[in-house]
Each structure stands twice: as structure tokens, then as C-alpha cells.
N, C-alpha and C. Protein backbone atom coordinates (compact mmCIF):
# COMPACT_ATOMS: atom_id res chain seq x y z
N UNK A 1 20.41 -5.30 -18.16
CA UNK A 1 19.31 -5.95 -16.89
C UNK A 1 19.70 -7.14 -17.28
N UNK A 2 20.62 -7.36 -15.49
CA UNK A 2 20.24 -9.29 -15.95
C UNK A 2 19.29 -10.16 -15.95
N UNK A 3 19.09 -11.05 -16.55
CA UNK A 3 18.14 -11.80 -17.34
C UNK A 3 16.81 -12.30 -16.05
N UNK A 4 17.25 -12.28 -14.96
CA UNK A 4 15.86 -12.39 -14.18
C UNK A 4 14.97 -11.76 -13.87
N UNK A 5 15.14 -10.75 -13.81
CA UNK A 5 15.37 -9.03 -12.87
C UNK A 5 13.99 -9.05 -14.79
N UNK A 6 14.89 -8.67 -15.73
CA UNK A 6 14.07 -8.44 -17.06
C UNK A 6 13.47 -9.58 -17.02
N UNK A 7 12.96 -11.13 -16.88
CA UNK A 7 11.81 -11.51 -17.64
C UNK A 7 10.97 -10.74 -15.95
N UNK A 8 11.69 -10.43 -14.99
CA UNK A 8 10.01 -10.89 -13.82
C UNK A 8 9.93 -8.76 -14.55
N UNK A 9 10.25 -8.41 -15.20
CA UNK A 9 9.77 -6.61 -15.16
C UNK A 9 9.51 -7.31 -15.79
N UNK A 10 9.16 -7.66 -17.03
CA UNK A 10 8.12 -8.23 -18.51
C UNK A 10 6.80 -8.40 -18.04
N UNK A 11 7.04 -9.71 -16.66
CA UNK A 11 6.21 -10.81 -16.36
C UNK A 11 4.97 -9.84 -15.43
N UNK A 12 6.22 -8.21 -14.61
CA UNK A 12 5.34 -7.50 -13.80
C UNK A 12 4.04 -6.56 -14.83
N UNK A 13 4.71 -5.87 -16.26
CA UNK A 13 3.95 -5.44 -16.66
C UNK A 13 2.62 -6.43 -17.82
N UNK A 14 2.81 -7.55 -18.08
CA UNK A 14 1.97 -8.37 -18.14
C UNK A 14 0.81 -8.41 -17.19
N UNK A 15 1.36 -8.39 -16.25
CA UNK A 15 0.02 -8.67 -14.32
C UNK A 15 -0.23 -7.54 -14.31
N UNK A 16 0.46 -6.83 -14.68
CA UNK A 16 -0.82 -5.16 -14.04
C UNK A 16 -1.72 -4.37 -14.63
N UNK A 17 -1.39 -4.78 -16.41
CA UNK A 17 -1.77 -4.23 -17.48
C UNK A 17 -2.36 -5.64 -18.96
N UNK A 18 -2.20 -5.38 -18.28
CA UNK A 18 -2.46 -7.22 -19.26
C UNK A 18 -2.50 -7.32 -21.01
N UNK A 19 -1.52 -6.32 -20.87
CA UNK A 19 -0.82 -5.78 -22.10
C UNK A 19 0.49 -7.35 -22.83
N UNK A 20 1.23 -8.06 -23.17
CA UNK A 20 2.10 -8.59 -23.10
C UNK A 20 3.19 -7.80 -24.44
N UNK A 21 3.90 -7.52 -23.56
CA UNK A 21 5.16 -6.44 -24.00
C UNK A 21 6.32 -6.76 -23.83
N UNK A 22 7.04 -6.73 -24.72
CA UNK A 22 8.72 -7.62 -24.59
C UNK A 22 9.77 -6.21 -25.07
N UNK A 23 10.92 -6.78 -24.65
CA UNK A 23 11.76 -5.84 -25.03
C UNK A 23 12.09 -5.57 -26.95
N UNK A 24 11.51 -5.44 -27.86
CA UNK A 24 11.22 -5.53 -28.56
C UNK A 24 9.85 -4.01 -29.30
N UNK A 25 9.55 -3.14 -27.42
CA UNK A 25 8.51 -2.72 -26.91
C UNK A 25 9.10 -1.48 -26.53
N UNK A 26 10.64 -1.56 -26.46
CA UNK A 26 11.76 -0.36 -25.43
C UNK A 26 10.64 1.05 -25.38
N UNK A 27 10.28 1.53 -26.29
CA UNK A 27 9.68 2.99 -26.67
C UNK A 27 8.30 2.95 -26.20
N UNK A 28 7.48 2.01 -26.58
CA UNK A 28 5.66 1.76 -25.49
C UNK A 28 5.85 3.08 -24.85
N UNK A 29 4.60 3.91 -24.82
CA UNK A 29 4.83 5.28 -23.78
C UNK A 29 3.53 4.99 -22.88
N UNK A 30 3.95 5.47 -21.78
CA UNK A 30 3.14 4.98 -20.81
C UNK A 30 1.88 5.21 -20.76
N UNK A 31 1.29 6.48 -21.05
CA UNK A 31 0.25 7.34 -20.99
C UNK A 31 -0.13 7.24 -22.92
N UNK A 32 0.71 7.98 -23.46
CA UNK A 32 -0.43 7.72 -24.78
C UNK A 32 0.01 6.50 -25.70
N UNK A 33 0.58 6.00 -25.60
CA UNK A 33 0.43 4.05 -26.16
C UNK A 33 -0.30 3.46 -24.85
N UNK A 34 -0.70 2.83 -24.12
CA UNK A 34 -0.60 2.09 -23.09
C UNK A 34 -1.97 2.72 -22.05
N UNK A 35 -2.27 4.21 -22.53
CA UNK A 35 -3.30 4.58 -21.87
C UNK A 35 -3.08 4.57 -20.59
N UNK A 36 -2.35 5.34 -19.81
CA UNK A 36 -2.11 5.18 -18.59
C UNK A 36 -2.14 6.55 -17.85
N UNK A 37 -3.62 6.77 -17.62
CA UNK A 37 -3.86 8.10 -17.17
C UNK A 37 -3.81 8.60 -15.30
N UNK A 38 -4.14 9.21 -14.70
CA UNK A 38 -4.51 9.95 -13.74
C UNK A 38 -3.95 8.57 -11.83
N UNK A 39 -4.56 8.30 -11.38
CA UNK A 39 -5.37 7.49 -10.87
C UNK A 39 -4.45 6.04 -10.93
N UNK A 40 -4.86 5.55 -12.53
CA UNK A 40 -4.00 4.13 -12.79
C UNK A 40 -2.25 4.47 -12.87
N UNK A 41 -2.47 5.63 -13.16
CA UNK A 41 -0.74 5.50 -13.61
C UNK A 41 -0.65 5.96 -12.39
N UNK A 42 -0.62 6.48 -11.94
CA UNK A 42 -0.24 7.03 -10.11
C UNK A 42 0.15 5.51 -9.32
N UNK A 43 -1.03 4.55 -9.57
CA UNK A 43 -1.04 3.21 -8.65
C UNK A 43 0.28 2.11 -9.02
N UNK A 44 -0.13 2.37 -10.82
CA UNK A 44 1.25 1.47 -11.77
C UNK A 44 2.43 1.86 -10.98
N UNK A 45 2.78 3.76 -11.03
CA UNK A 45 4.69 3.39 -10.80
C UNK A 45 4.81 3.39 -9.54
N UNK A 46 3.75 3.12 -8.28
CA UNK A 46 4.58 3.43 -7.27
C UNK A 46 4.01 1.67 -7.12
N UNK A 47 3.79 0.45 -7.33
CA UNK A 47 3.66 -0.79 -7.12
C UNK A 47 4.66 -1.25 -8.39
N UNK A 48 5.30 -0.20 -9.55
CA UNK A 48 6.43 -0.98 -10.12
C UNK A 48 7.85 -0.17 -9.02
N UNK A 49 7.75 0.84 -8.33
CA UNK A 49 8.57 1.30 -7.58
C UNK A 49 8.53 0.18 -6.48
N UNK A 50 7.56 -0.21 -5.29
CA UNK A 50 8.26 -0.92 -4.69
C UNK A 50 9.06 -2.26 -4.78
N UNK A 51 8.11 -2.68 -6.73
CA UNK A 51 8.46 -4.46 -6.49
C UNK A 51 9.95 -3.72 -7.16
N UNK A 52 10.32 -2.91 -8.43
CA UNK A 52 11.32 -3.04 -7.79
C UNK A 52 12.42 -1.82 -7.18
N UNK A 53 12.54 -1.71 -6.01
CA UNK A 53 13.46 -1.28 -5.23
C UNK A 53 13.26 -0.03 -6.05
N UNK A 54 12.99 1.12 -6.50
CA UNK A 54 12.69 2.60 -6.96
C UNK A 54 11.79 3.60 -6.11
N UNK A 55 13.01 4.57 -6.84
CA UNK A 55 13.17 5.74 -4.73
C UNK A 55 12.75 6.65 -5.80
N UNK A 56 11.45 6.37 -5.27
CA UNK A 56 10.34 8.20 -7.22
C UNK A 56 10.40 9.43 -5.46
N UNK A 57 11.41 9.38 -4.83
CA UNK A 57 11.85 10.77 -3.78
C UNK A 57 11.46 12.05 -4.96
N UNK A 58 12.19 11.96 -5.60
CA UNK A 58 11.29 13.13 -7.19
C UNK A 58 10.69 12.78 -8.25
N UNK A 59 10.68 11.83 -8.18
CA UNK A 59 9.54 12.17 -9.53
C UNK A 59 8.75 12.71 -9.79
N UNK A 60 8.50 13.59 -10.34
CA UNK A 60 8.20 14.53 -10.77
C UNK A 60 6.01 14.19 -11.40
N UNK A 61 5.50 13.19 -10.91
CA UNK A 61 3.90 12.30 -11.70
C UNK A 61 3.03 13.36 -12.82
N UNK A 62 3.50 14.71 -12.15
CA UNK A 62 2.39 15.46 -13.43
C UNK A 62 3.36 15.85 -14.62
N UNK A 63 4.43 15.45 -14.55
CA UNK A 63 5.79 16.50 -15.29
C UNK A 63 5.54 14.67 -16.37
N UNK A 64 5.30 13.92 -16.15
CA UNK A 64 3.92 12.83 -17.41
C UNK A 64 2.99 11.90 -18.01
N UNK A 65 2.04 12.68 -16.78
CA UNK A 65 0.54 12.93 -16.95
C UNK A 65 0.00 13.28 -16.81
N UNK A 66 -1.39 13.06 -17.09
CA UNK A 66 -2.61 14.22 -17.38
C UNK A 66 -3.43 13.38 -15.85
N UNK A 67 -4.88 14.29 -15.78
CA UNK A 67 -5.94 13.84 -15.03
C UNK A 67 -5.99 12.19 -15.90
N UNK A 68 -7.12 11.60 -14.83
CA UNK A 68 -7.94 10.60 -15.09
C UNK A 68 -8.59 10.89 -16.01
N UNK A 69 -9.32 10.35 -17.14
CA UNK A 69 -11.13 11.29 -17.85
C UNK A 69 -11.62 9.99 -18.26
N UNK A 70 -12.99 10.28 -17.97
CA UNK A 70 -14.05 10.02 -17.90
C UNK A 70 -14.33 9.65 -19.69
N UNK A 71 -15.27 7.86 -19.51
CA UNK A 71 -15.59 7.61 -20.74
C UNK A 71 -15.77 8.63 -22.36
N UNK A 72 -16.36 10.03 -21.41
CA UNK A 72 -17.45 11.32 -22.57
C UNK A 72 -15.84 12.17 -22.80
N UNK A 73 -15.25 12.06 -21.99
CA UNK A 73 -13.88 12.36 -21.87
C UNK A 73 -12.73 11.97 -23.70
N UNK A 74 -13.29 10.66 -23.06
CA UNK A 74 -12.06 9.58 -23.52
C UNK A 74 -12.17 9.34 -25.54
N UNK A 75 -13.58 10.09 -25.59
CA UNK A 75 -13.93 9.98 -27.06
C UNK A 75 -13.32 11.27 -27.46
N UNK A 76 -13.10 12.58 -26.85
CA UNK A 76 -12.63 13.74 -27.04
C UNK A 76 -10.64 14.40 -26.46
N UNK A 77 -10.21 13.03 -26.12
CA UNK A 77 -9.07 13.26 -25.54
C UNK A 77 -8.47 14.11 -25.65
N UNK A 78 -8.57 13.72 -27.40
CA UNK A 78 -7.11 14.86 -27.59
C UNK A 78 -7.51 16.50 -27.87
N UNK A 79 -7.81 16.41 -27.55
CA UNK A 79 -9.08 17.77 -27.45
C UNK A 79 -8.80 18.35 -26.32
N UNK A 80 -8.60 17.87 -25.22
CA UNK A 80 -8.15 18.02 -23.91
C UNK A 80 -6.94 18.14 -22.91
N UNK A 81 -6.69 16.82 -23.91
CA UNK A 81 -5.31 16.43 -23.24
C UNK A 81 -4.57 17.49 -23.36
N UNK A 82 -3.23 18.48 -22.64
CA UNK A 82 -2.07 18.87 -22.86
C UNK A 82 -1.18 17.87 -23.02
N UNK A 83 -0.75 18.29 -24.07
CA UNK A 83 0.34 17.56 -25.28
C UNK A 83 2.02 18.27 -24.84
N UNK A 84 1.44 19.40 -23.58
CA UNK A 84 3.79 19.32 -23.53
C UNK A 84 3.60 18.23 -22.34
N UNK A 85 3.05 16.90 -22.09
CA UNK A 85 4.12 16.13 -21.24
C UNK A 85 5.25 15.39 -21.06
N UNK A 86 6.39 15.06 -20.88
CA UNK A 86 7.52 14.15 -21.14
C UNK A 86 7.10 13.16 -21.15
N UNK A 87 7.28 12.31 -21.52
CA UNK A 87 7.18 10.98 -22.58
C UNK A 87 7.77 9.71 -21.91
N UNK A 88 7.02 9.16 -21.01
CA UNK A 88 7.53 7.73 -19.99
C UNK A 88 7.55 6.21 -20.91
N UNK A 89 9.10 5.59 -20.96
CA UNK A 89 8.51 5.16 -21.21
C UNK A 89 9.12 3.99 -20.75
N UNK A 90 8.79 3.03 -21.98
CA UNK A 90 9.54 1.27 -20.58
C UNK A 90 10.29 1.37 -21.08
N UNK A 91 11.84 1.96 -21.09
CA UNK A 91 13.26 1.94 -21.26
C UNK A 91 13.17 2.76 -20.10
N UNK A 92 12.24 3.54 -19.99
CA UNK A 92 12.60 4.72 -18.99
C UNK A 92 12.52 4.11 -17.16
N UNK A 93 11.84 2.73 -17.39
CA UNK A 93 11.03 1.83 -16.46
C UNK A 93 12.60 1.08 -16.02
N UNK A 94 12.67 0.80 -17.70
CA UNK A 94 14.17 0.04 -17.09
C UNK A 94 15.23 -0.08 -16.55
N UNK A 95 15.49 1.79 -16.91
CA UNK A 95 16.61 2.26 -16.67
C UNK A 95 16.27 2.43 -14.99
N UNK A 96 14.78 2.91 -14.27
CA UNK A 96 15.12 2.99 -13.11
C UNK A 96 14.91 2.06 -12.45
N UNK A 97 15.31 0.68 -12.91
CA UNK A 97 15.86 0.01 -12.08
C UNK A 97 16.90 0.08 -11.91
N UNK A 98 17.76 -0.12 -12.75
CA UNK A 98 19.01 -0.23 -12.99
C UNK A 98 19.71 1.17 -12.17
N UNK A 99 19.38 2.13 -12.14
CA UNK A 99 19.66 3.53 -11.80
C UNK A 99 19.43 3.80 -9.54
N UNK A 100 18.02 2.49 -9.22
CA UNK A 100 17.23 2.57 -8.58
C UNK A 100 16.51 3.95 -7.53
N UNK A 101 16.46 4.69 -9.01
CA UNK A 101 15.50 6.12 -8.99
C UNK A 101 15.29 5.91 -10.79
N UNK A 102 14.38 7.28 -10.84
CA UNK A 102 14.37 7.39 -11.84
C UNK A 102 15.01 8.52 -12.63
N UNK A 103 15.17 9.21 -13.33
CA UNK A 103 16.67 9.83 -14.04
C UNK A 103 15.74 11.38 -14.46
């Protein structure tokens, strides 16, 4: 990924999720490590796709994300969360930018 685009990508992550993620964190998972669920995850993916011109036509949101959970459920999230989801990582986002779509 070109240097300017790489900087823009990490600036976008910091702006959107308020966590300073760098190139040493390519395996951070959006749902499990960054706690993105439901509508928040959907909005993040839409903003990401718009900002970096990534096609979402074949992106299956439910493959990667569980529904949003409330504060009470958050306490019990491991019991309620389905663990059969594929993991979407920071590296997957970078690959989507390069390819113009999610693989």
C-alpha cells in the first residue's frame, strides 16, 4: 500500500474508532478485539468503503458481525455471541483497499 494511502488508512481508523492502531497490529479483529457490532460495525464498514472506494456489492455483513448488544448483554456477551463468524481484521481492510473489494 502506498505510503500516503497507508497514513490515510491509519488516520481513518483513529478518527472512527478512537484507538491508535499501527502497522504492528494487522491481526486486530474488528469484532473481537475492537468490539464492533451491529449498527456501529455497519456504519464503520460503509464509511470505510466510501472513503477508500471499496465495492461492497458482495460483502456479507452477517458473515463477520453479530448484532449490536446492549449494556446488560455486554456483561454476558460471551454466552450470547455466536462464535461461528469469520474474522475481519485490519489486514483484511488493507487488502480490500488494494483490491477495491473484500475477498
